[in-house]
Amino acid sequence: MKIDASTRGIIAHTAPVKPKTFNDMEEAARAMKEQDSRRDSIFRQSMEAQSMPENYWRKNFRKQ
């Protein structure tokens, strides 16, 4: 960062370099596939959890 001494204003600033998240495209693609499968798994689990009360009531009413 460069500051003007007389006005105490910033003359120039260079943002810090961000490190790369992935080394190559294959690694990034692999990470995206893992994320997709994780998201699908969570969705599937939530759907199963929502359908369980319905199945519970159906089974109990059929027995009586």
N, C-alpha and C. Protein backbone atom coordinates (compact mmCIF):
# COMPACT_ATOMS: atom_id res chain seq x y z
N MET A 1 0.85 -1.16 0.00
CA MET A 1 0.00 0.00 0.00
C MET A 1 0.91 1.23 0.00
N LYS A 2 0.62 2.14 -0.90
CA LYS A 2 1.40 3.37 -0.97
C LYS A 2 0.52 4.53 -0.48
N ILE A 3 1.07 5.32 0.44
CA ILE A 3 0.32 6.45 1.01
C ILE A 3 1.06 7.74 0.71
N ASP A 4 0.33 8.76 0.27
CA ASP A 4 0.90 10.08 0.02
C ASP A 4 1.13 10.75 1.38
N ALA A 5 2.37 11.16 1.63
CA ALA A 5 2.72 11.73 2.92
C ALA A 5 2.04 13.07 3.18
N SER A 6 1.88 13.88 2.16
CA SER A 6 1.30 15.21 2.37
C SER A 6 -0.21 15.15 2.60
N THR A 7 -0.92 14.32 1.86
CA THR A 7 -2.38 14.26 2.01
C THR A 7 -2.83 13.09 2.88
N ARG A 8 -1.91 12.19 3.15
CA ARG A 8 -2.18 10.97 3.91
C ARG A 8 -3.28 10.12 3.24
N GLY A 9 -3.33 10.21 1.95
CA GLY A 9 -4.29 9.42 1.17
C GLY A 9 -3.60 8.23 0.53
N ILE A 10 -4.36 7.24 0.25
CA ILE A 10 -3.83 6.04 -0.40
C ILE A 10 -3.66 6.31 -1.88
N ILE A 11 -2.44 6.08 -2.37
CA ILE A 11 -2.13 6.28 -3.78
C ILE A 11 -2.33 4.98 -4.55
N ALA A 12 -1.85 3.89 -4.01
CA ALA A 12 -1.96 2.59 -4.68
C ALA A 12 -2.10 1.49 -3.65
N HIS A 13 -2.80 0.46 -4.05
CA HIS A 13 -2.99 -0.68 -3.16
C HIS A 13 -3.07 -1.94 -4.01
N THR A 14 -2.37 -2.96 -3.61
CA THR A 14 -2.43 -4.25 -4.29
C THR A 14 -3.05 -5.26 -3.33
N ALA A 15 -4.13 -5.88 -3.77
CA ALA A 15 -4.80 -6.87 -2.92
C ALA A 15 -3.90 -8.08 -2.74
N PRO A 16 -3.97 -8.73 -1.58
CA PRO A 16 -3.16 -9.93 -1.38
C PRO A 16 -3.60 -11.04 -2.33
N VAL A 17 -2.64 -11.84 -2.74
CA VAL A 17 -2.90 -12.93 -3.68
C VAL A 17 -3.60 -14.06 -2.93
N LYS A 18 -4.75 -14.48 -3.45
CA LYS A 18 -5.50 -15.57 -2.84
C LYS A 18 -4.91 -16.90 -3.32
N PRO A 19 -4.74 -17.84 -2.41
CA PRO A 19 -4.23 -19.15 -2.85
C PRO A 19 -5.29 -19.89 -3.67
N LYS A 20 -4.84 -20.71 -4.58
CA LYS A 20 -5.76 -21.48 -5.42
C LYS A 20 -6.48 -22.52 -4.56
N THR A 21 -7.77 -22.67 -4.81
CA THR A 21 -8.54 -23.67 -4.08
C THR A 21 -8.18 -25.07 -4.55
N PHE A 22 -8.02 -25.22 -5.87
CA PHE A 22 -7.69 -26.52 -6.45
C PHE A 22 -6.44 -26.38 -7.31
N ASN A 23 -5.67 -27.44 -7.35
CA ASN A 23 -4.44 -27.43 -8.13
C ASN A 23 -4.69 -27.58 -9.62
N ASP A 24 -5.71 -28.37 -9.97
CA ASP A 24 -6.01 -28.58 -11.39
C ASP A 24 -7.51 -28.80 -11.58
N MET A 25 -7.93 -28.86 -12.82
CA MET A 25 -9.35 -28.98 -13.14
C MET A 25 -9.92 -30.34 -12.73
N GLU A 26 -9.11 -31.38 -12.80
CA GLU A 26 -9.58 -32.71 -12.42
C GLU A 26 -9.95 -32.74 -10.94
N GLU A 27 -9.13 -32.12 -10.12
CA GLU A 27 -9.40 -32.06 -8.69
C GLU A 27 -10.67 -31.25 -8.41
N ALA A 28 -10.85 -30.17 -9.15
CA ALA A 28 -12.06 -29.36 -8.99
C ALA A 28 -13.30 -30.14 -9.42
N ALA A 29 -13.21 -30.88 -10.51
CA ALA A 29 -14.34 -31.69 -10.98
C ALA A 29 -14.68 -32.78 -9.97
N ARG A 30 -13.65 -33.40 -9.40
CA ARG A 30 -13.86 -34.43 -8.39
C ARG A 30 -14.57 -33.85 -7.17
N ALA A 31 -14.15 -32.67 -6.75
CA ALA A 31 -14.77 -32.03 -5.60
C ALA A 31 -16.23 -31.68 -5.88
N MET A 32 -16.52 -31.24 -7.09
CA MET A 32 -17.91 -30.92 -7.46
C MET A 32 -18.78 -32.18 -7.46
N LYS A 33 -18.25 -33.30 -7.95
CA LYS A 33 -19.00 -34.56 -7.95
C LYS A 33 -19.27 -35.01 -6.52
N GLU A 34 -18.28 -34.88 -5.65
CA GLU A 34 -18.47 -35.25 -4.24
C GLU A 34 -19.53 -34.37 -3.60
N GLN A 35 -19.50 -33.10 -3.90
CA GLN A 35 -20.48 -32.18 -3.35
C GLN A 35 -21.89 -32.52 -3.86
N ASP A 36 -22.00 -32.86 -5.14
CA ASP A 36 -23.29 -33.26 -5.70
C ASP A 36 -23.83 -34.51 -5.02
N SER A 37 -22.97 -35.50 -4.84
CA SER A 37 -23.43 -36.74 -4.21
C SER A 37 -23.81 -36.50 -2.75
N ARG A 38 -23.07 -35.64 -2.06
CA ARG A 38 -23.39 -35.31 -0.67
C ARG A 38 -24.74 -34.61 -0.60
N ARG A 39 -24.99 -33.68 -1.52
CA ARG A 39 -26.26 -32.94 -1.55
C ARG A 39 -27.41 -33.89 -1.85
N ASP A 40 -27.21 -34.82 -2.80
CA ASP A 40 -28.25 -35.80 -3.13
C ASP A 40 -28.56 -36.71 -1.94
N SER A 41 -27.52 -37.11 -1.24
CA SER A 41 -27.70 -37.96 -0.07
C SER A 41 -28.51 -37.24 1.01
N ILE A 42 -28.18 -36.00 1.27
CA ILE A 42 -28.92 -35.23 2.27
C ILE A 42 -30.37 -35.05 1.85
N PHE A 43 -30.61 -34.79 0.57
CA PHE A 43 -31.97 -34.65 0.06
C PHE A 43 -32.74 -35.95 0.23
N ARG A 44 -32.12 -37.06 -0.14
CA ARG A 44 -32.76 -38.37 -0.01
C ARG A 44 -33.14 -38.66 1.44
N GLN A 45 -32.21 -38.35 2.37
CA GLN A 45 -32.48 -38.57 3.79
C GLN A 45 -33.64 -37.71 4.27
N SER A 46 -33.71 -36.47 3.82
CA SER A 46 -34.80 -35.61 4.25
C SER A 46 -36.13 -36.10 3.70
N MET A 47 -36.13 -36.61 2.46
CA MET A 47 -37.37 -37.15 1.89
C MET A 47 -37.81 -38.40 2.64
N GLU A 48 -36.87 -39.25 3.00
CA GLU A 48 -37.21 -40.45 3.76
C GLU A 48 -37.76 -40.08 5.14
N ALA A 49 -37.17 -39.07 5.75
CA ALA A 49 -37.63 -38.65 7.08
C ALA A 49 -39.04 -38.09 7.01
N GLN A 50 -39.38 -37.41 5.93
CA GLN A 50 -40.72 -36.86 5.79
C GLN A 50 -41.74 -37.94 5.47
N SER A 51 -41.33 -38.99 4.80
CA SER A 51 -42.28 -40.04 4.44
C SER A 51 -42.49 -41.03 5.58
N MET A 52 -41.62 -41.06 6.55
CA MET A 52 -41.75 -42.02 7.65
C MET A 52 -43.04 -41.83 8.44
N PRO A 53 -43.43 -40.61 8.84
CA PRO A 53 -44.69 -40.49 9.59
C PRO A 53 -45.89 -40.99 8.79
N GLU A 54 -45.90 -40.78 7.50
CA GLU A 54 -47.00 -41.26 6.67
C GLU A 54 -47.04 -42.79 6.69
N ASN A 55 -45.89 -43.41 6.54
CA ASN A 55 -45.83 -44.87 6.57
C ASN A 55 -46.23 -45.41 7.93
N TYR A 56 -45.84 -44.73 8.98
CA TYR A 56 -46.20 -45.15 10.33
C TYR A 56 -47.71 -45.16 10.49
N TRP A 57 -48.37 -44.10 10.09
CA TRP A 57 -49.83 -44.01 10.24
C TRP A 57 -50.53 -45.02 9.34
N ARG A 58 -50.03 -45.21 8.14
CA ARG A 58 -50.65 -46.19 7.24
C ARG A 58 -50.58 -47.59 7.84
N LYS A 59 -49.45 -47.97 8.38
CA LYS A 59 -49.28 -49.31 8.96
C LYS A 59 -50.20 -49.49 10.16
N ASN A 60 -50.28 -48.48 11.02
CA ASN A 60 -51.09 -48.62 12.22
C ASN A 60 -52.58 -48.65 11.91
N PHE A 61 -53.04 -47.91 10.94
CA PHE A 61 -54.46 -47.90 10.62
C PHE A 61 -54.86 -49.19 9.88
N ARG A 62 -53.96 -49.78 9.15
CA ARG A 62 -54.26 -51.02 8.45
C ARG A 62 -54.44 -52.18 9.44
N LYS A 63 -53.67 -52.17 10.52
CA LYS A 63 -53.73 -53.26 11.50
C LYS A 63 -55.07 -53.27 12.24
N GLN A 64 -55.69 -52.14 12.41
CA GLN A 64 -56.92 -52.07 13.20
C GLN A 64 -58.11 -52.30 12.40
